[in-house]
């Protein structure tokens, strides 16, 4: 299970790196403007989605392995979901903090 999910994750990371290289090339050629930058937004969302999925999967796999090592059986789904909720709220806080620093600051006229 671990190697299968790691392989799928590696494949998606590889695809993401190729897409980021493509978007970067288009950016250097001046294909994006302030009004037209959907490609950058899309690959950014894809990259962070792949990252978030891996964090959740890794947490589930490691928690399950630790529980089996202790002889406890499987971790309850409620515990896993609460960990995923904490990660999601952390990602949202970081995202809002990062995007607020990118907004142009208005000065008094």
C-alpha atoms as a PDB file:
ATOM      1  CA  UNK A   1       0.000   0.000   0.000  1.00  0.00           C
ATOM      2  CA  UNK A   2       2.747   2.436   0.943  1.00  0.00           C
ATOM      3  CA  UNK A   3       4.738   1.848  -2.232  1.00  0.00           C
ATOM      4  CA  UNK A   4       1.639   2.110  -4.430  1.00  0.00           C
ATOM      5  CA  UNK A   5       0.591   5.446  -2.960  1.00  0.00           C
ATOM      6  CA  UNK A   6       4.190   6.689  -3.067  1.00  0.00           C
ATOM      7  CA  UNK A   7       4.394   5.717  -6.735  1.00  0.00           C
ATOM      8  CA  UNK A   8       1.148   7.510  -7.582  1.00  0.00           C
ATOM      9  CA  UNK A   9       2.313  10.560  -5.654  1.00  0.00           C
ATOM     10  CA  UNK A  10       5.664  10.519  -7.464  1.00  0.00           C
ATOM     11  CA  UNK A  11       3.885  10.329 -10.812  1.00  0.00           C
ATOM     12  CA  UNK A  12       1.684  13.312  -9.954  1.00  0.00           C
ATOM     13  CA  UNK A  13       4.677  15.297  -8.685  1.00  0.00           C
ATOM     14  CA  UNK A  14       6.492  14.524 -11.962  1.00  0.00           C
ATOM     15  CA  UNK A  15       3.463  15.738 -13.945  1.00  0.00           C
ATOM     16  CA  UNK A  16       3.317  18.851 -11.764  1.00  0.00           C
ATOM     17  CA  UNK A  17       7.002  19.629 -12.330  1.00  0.00           C
ATOM     18  CA  UNK A  18       6.497  19.348 -16.099  1.00  0.00           C
ATOM     19  CA  UNK A  19       3.458  21.645 -15.919  1.00  0.00           C
ATOM     20  CA  UNK A  20       5.322  24.155 -13.739  1.00  0.00           C
ATOM     21  CA  UNK A  21       8.209  24.158 -16.232  1.00  0.00           C
ATOM     22  CA  UNK A  22       5.739  24.778 -19.065  1.00  0.00           C
ATOM     23  CA  UNK A  23       4.027  27.620 -17.181  1.00  0.00           C
ATOM     24  CA  UNK A  24       7.407  29.110 -16.248  1.00  0.00           C
ATOM     25  CA  UNK A  25       8.463  29.035 -19.906  1.00  0.00           C
ATOM     26  CA  UNK A  26       5.264  30.809 -20.918  1.00  0.00           C
ATOM     27  CA  UNK A  27       5.837  33.387 -18.176  1.00  0.00           C
ATOM     28  CA  UNK A  28       9.354  34.133 -19.432  1.00  0.00           C
ATOM     29  CA  UNK A  29       7.914  34.614 -22.916  1.00  0.00           C
ATOM     30  CA  UNK A  30       5.448  37.168 -21.520  1.00  0.00           C
ATOM     31  CA  UNK A  31       2.316  35.116 -22.221  1.00  0.00           C
ATOM     32  CA  UNK A  32       0.709  36.013 -18.877  1.00  0.00           C
ATOM     33  CA  UNK A  33      -0.667  39.379 -17.853  1.00  0.00           C
ATOM     34  CA  UNK A  34      -2.238  40.684 -14.694  1.00  0.00           C
ATOM     35  CA  UNK A  35      -5.668  40.018 -16.212  1.00  0.00           C
ATOM     36  CA  UNK A  36      -4.785  36.694 -17.878  1.00  0.00           C
ATOM     37  CA  UNK A  37      -2.976  34.324 -15.523  1.00  0.00           C
ATOM     38  CA  UNK A  38      -5.339  31.347 -15.232  1.00  0.00           C
ATOM     39  CA  UNK A  39      -2.558  28.859 -16.059  1.00  0.00           C
ATOM     40  CA  UNK A  40      -0.502  29.977 -13.093  1.00  0.00           C
ATOM     41  CA  UNK A  41      -3.496  29.754 -10.752  1.00  0.00           C
ATOM     42  CA  UNK A  42      -4.447  26.309 -12.039  1.00  0.00           C
ATOM     43  CA  UNK A  43      -1.016  24.730 -11.673  1.00  0.00           C
ATOM     44  CA  UNK A  44      -0.663  26.301  -8.221  1.00  0.00           C
ATOM     45  CA  UNK A  45      -3.934  24.736  -7.109  1.00  0.00           C
ATOM     46  CA  UNK A  46      -2.925  21.385  -8.610  1.00  0.00           C
ATOM     47  CA  UNK A  47       0.471  21.463  -6.883  1.00  0.00           C
ATOM     48  CA  UNK A  48      -0.993  22.265  -3.464  1.00  0.00           C
ATOM     49  CA  UNK A  49      -3.765  19.681  -3.906  1.00  0.00           C
ATOM     50  CA  UNK A  50      -1.183  16.956  -4.619  1.00  0.00           C
ATOM     51  CA  UNK A  51       0.764  18.103  -1.558  1.00  0.00           C
ATOM     52  CA  UNK A  52      -2.298  18.072   0.687  1.00  0.00           C
ATOM     53  CA  UNK A  53      -3.384  14.637  -0.525  1.00  0.00           C
ATOM     54  CA  UNK A  54       0.081  13.271   0.205  1.00  0.00           C
ATOM     55  CA  UNK A  55       0.092  14.740   3.726  1.00  0.00           C
ATOM     56  CA  UNK A  56      -3.283  13.135   4.476  1.00  0.00           C
ATOM     57  CA  UNK A  57      -2.327   9.775   2.941  1.00  0.00           C
ATOM     58  CA  UNK A  58       1.026   9.723   4.707  1.00  0.00           C
ATOM     59  CA  UNK A  59      -0.659  10.537   8.022  1.00  0.00           C
ATOM     60  CA  UNK A  60      -3.154   7.712   7.525  1.00  0.00           C
ATOM     61  CA  UNK A  61      -0.483   5.196   6.534  1.00  0.00           C
ATOM     62  CA  UNK A  62       1.902   6.089   9.363  1.00  0.00           C
ATOM     63  CA  UNK A  63      -0.911   6.168  11.941  1.00  0.00           C
ATOM     64  CA  UNK A  64      -2.098   2.767  10.759  1.00  0.00           C
ATOM     65  CA  UNK A  65       1.422   1.314  10.904  1.00  0.00           C
ATOM     66  CA  UNK A  66       1.998   2.716  14.402  1.00  0.00           C
ATOM     67  CA  UNK A  67      -1.329   1.293  15.601  1.00  0.00           C
ATOM     68  CA  UNK A  68      -0.508  -2.119  14.151  1.00  0.00           C
ATOM     69  CA  UNK A  69       2.935  -2.034  15.794  1.00  0.00           C
ATOM     70  CA  UNK A  70       1.287  -1.335  19.150  1.00  0.00           C
ATOM     71  CA  UNK A  71      -1.302  -4.042  18.546  1.00  0.00           C
ATOM     72  CA  UNK A  72      -4.183  -1.558  18.630  1.00  0.00           C
ATOM     73  CA  UNK A  73      -5.588  -2.323  15.205  1.00  0.00           C
ATOM     74  CA  UNK A  74      -6.794   0.459  12.981  1.00  0.00           C
ATOM     75  CA  UNK A  75      -7.046   4.132  13.934  1.00  0.00           C
ATOM     76  CA  UNK A  76     -10.683   5.345  14.065  1.00  0.00           C
ATOM     77  CA  UNK A  77     -11.772   7.399  11.070  1.00  0.00           C
ATOM     78  CA  UNK A  78     -12.806  10.296  13.348  1.00  0.00           C
ATOM     79  CA  UNK A  79      -9.186  10.738  14.485  1.00  0.00           C
ATOM     80  CA  UNK A  80      -7.919  10.747  10.897  1.00  0.00           C
ATOM     81  CA  UNK A  81     -10.554  13.247   9.791  1.00  0.00           C
ATOM     82  CA  UNK A  82      -9.803  15.581  12.697  1.00  0.00           C
ATOM     83  CA  UNK A  83      -6.103  15.531  11.737  1.00  0.00           C
ATOM     84  CA  UNK A  84      -7.041  16.307   8.110  1.00  0.00           C
ATOM     85  CA  UNK A  85      -9.272  19.183   9.286  1.00  0.00           C
ATOM     86  CA  UNK A  86      -6.372  20.649  11.295  1.00  0.00           C
ATOM     87  CA  UNK A  87      -4.104  20.435   8.231  1.00  0.00           C
ATOM     88  CA  UNK A  88      -6.757  22.054   6.018  1.00  0.00           C
ATOM     89  CA  UNK A  89      -7.251  24.981   8.425  1.00  0.00           C
ATOM     90  CA  UNK A  90      -3.471  25.448   8.648  1.00  0.00           C
ATOM     91  CA  UNK A  91      -3.231  25.503   4.840  1.00  0.00           C
ATOM     92  CA  UNK A  92      -6.063  28.055   4.640  1.00  0.00           C
ATOM     93  CA  UNK A  93      -4.402  30.324   7.203  1.00  0.00           C
ATOM     94  CA  UNK A  94      -1.097  30.154   5.318  1.00  0.00           C
ATOM     95  CA  UNK A  95      -2.840  30.780   2.012  1.00  0.00           C
ATOM     96  CA  UNK A  96      -4.699  33.854   3.285  1.00  0.00           C
ATOM     97  CA  UNK A  97      -1.533  35.188   4.925  1.00  0.00           C
ATOM     98  CA  UNK A  98       0.521  34.685   1.734  1.00  0.00           C
ATOM     99  CA  UNK A  99      -2.115  36.170  -0.569  1.00  0.00           C
ATOM    100  CA  UNK A 100      -2.586  39.232   1.638  1.00  0.00           C
ATOM    101  CA  UNK A 101       1.128  40.029   1.365  1.00  0.00           C
ATOM    102  CA  UNK A 102       0.840  39.948  -2.443  1.00  0.00           C
ATOM    103  CA  UNK A 103      -1.947  42.523  -2.617  1.00  0.00           C
ATOM    104  CA  UNK A 104      -0.839  46.001  -3.616  1.00  0.00           C
ATOM    105  CA  UNK A 105      -0.824  48.405  -0.713  1.00  0.00           C
ATOM    106  CA  UNK A 106      -2.995  51.494  -1.193  1.00  0.00           C
ATOM    107  CA  UNK A 107      -1.466  54.803  -0.249  1.00  0.00           C
ATOM    108  CA  UNK A 108      -3.327  57.986   0.542  1.00  0.00           C
ATOM    109  CA  UNK A 109      -3.677  60.439  -2.326  1.00  0.00           C
END
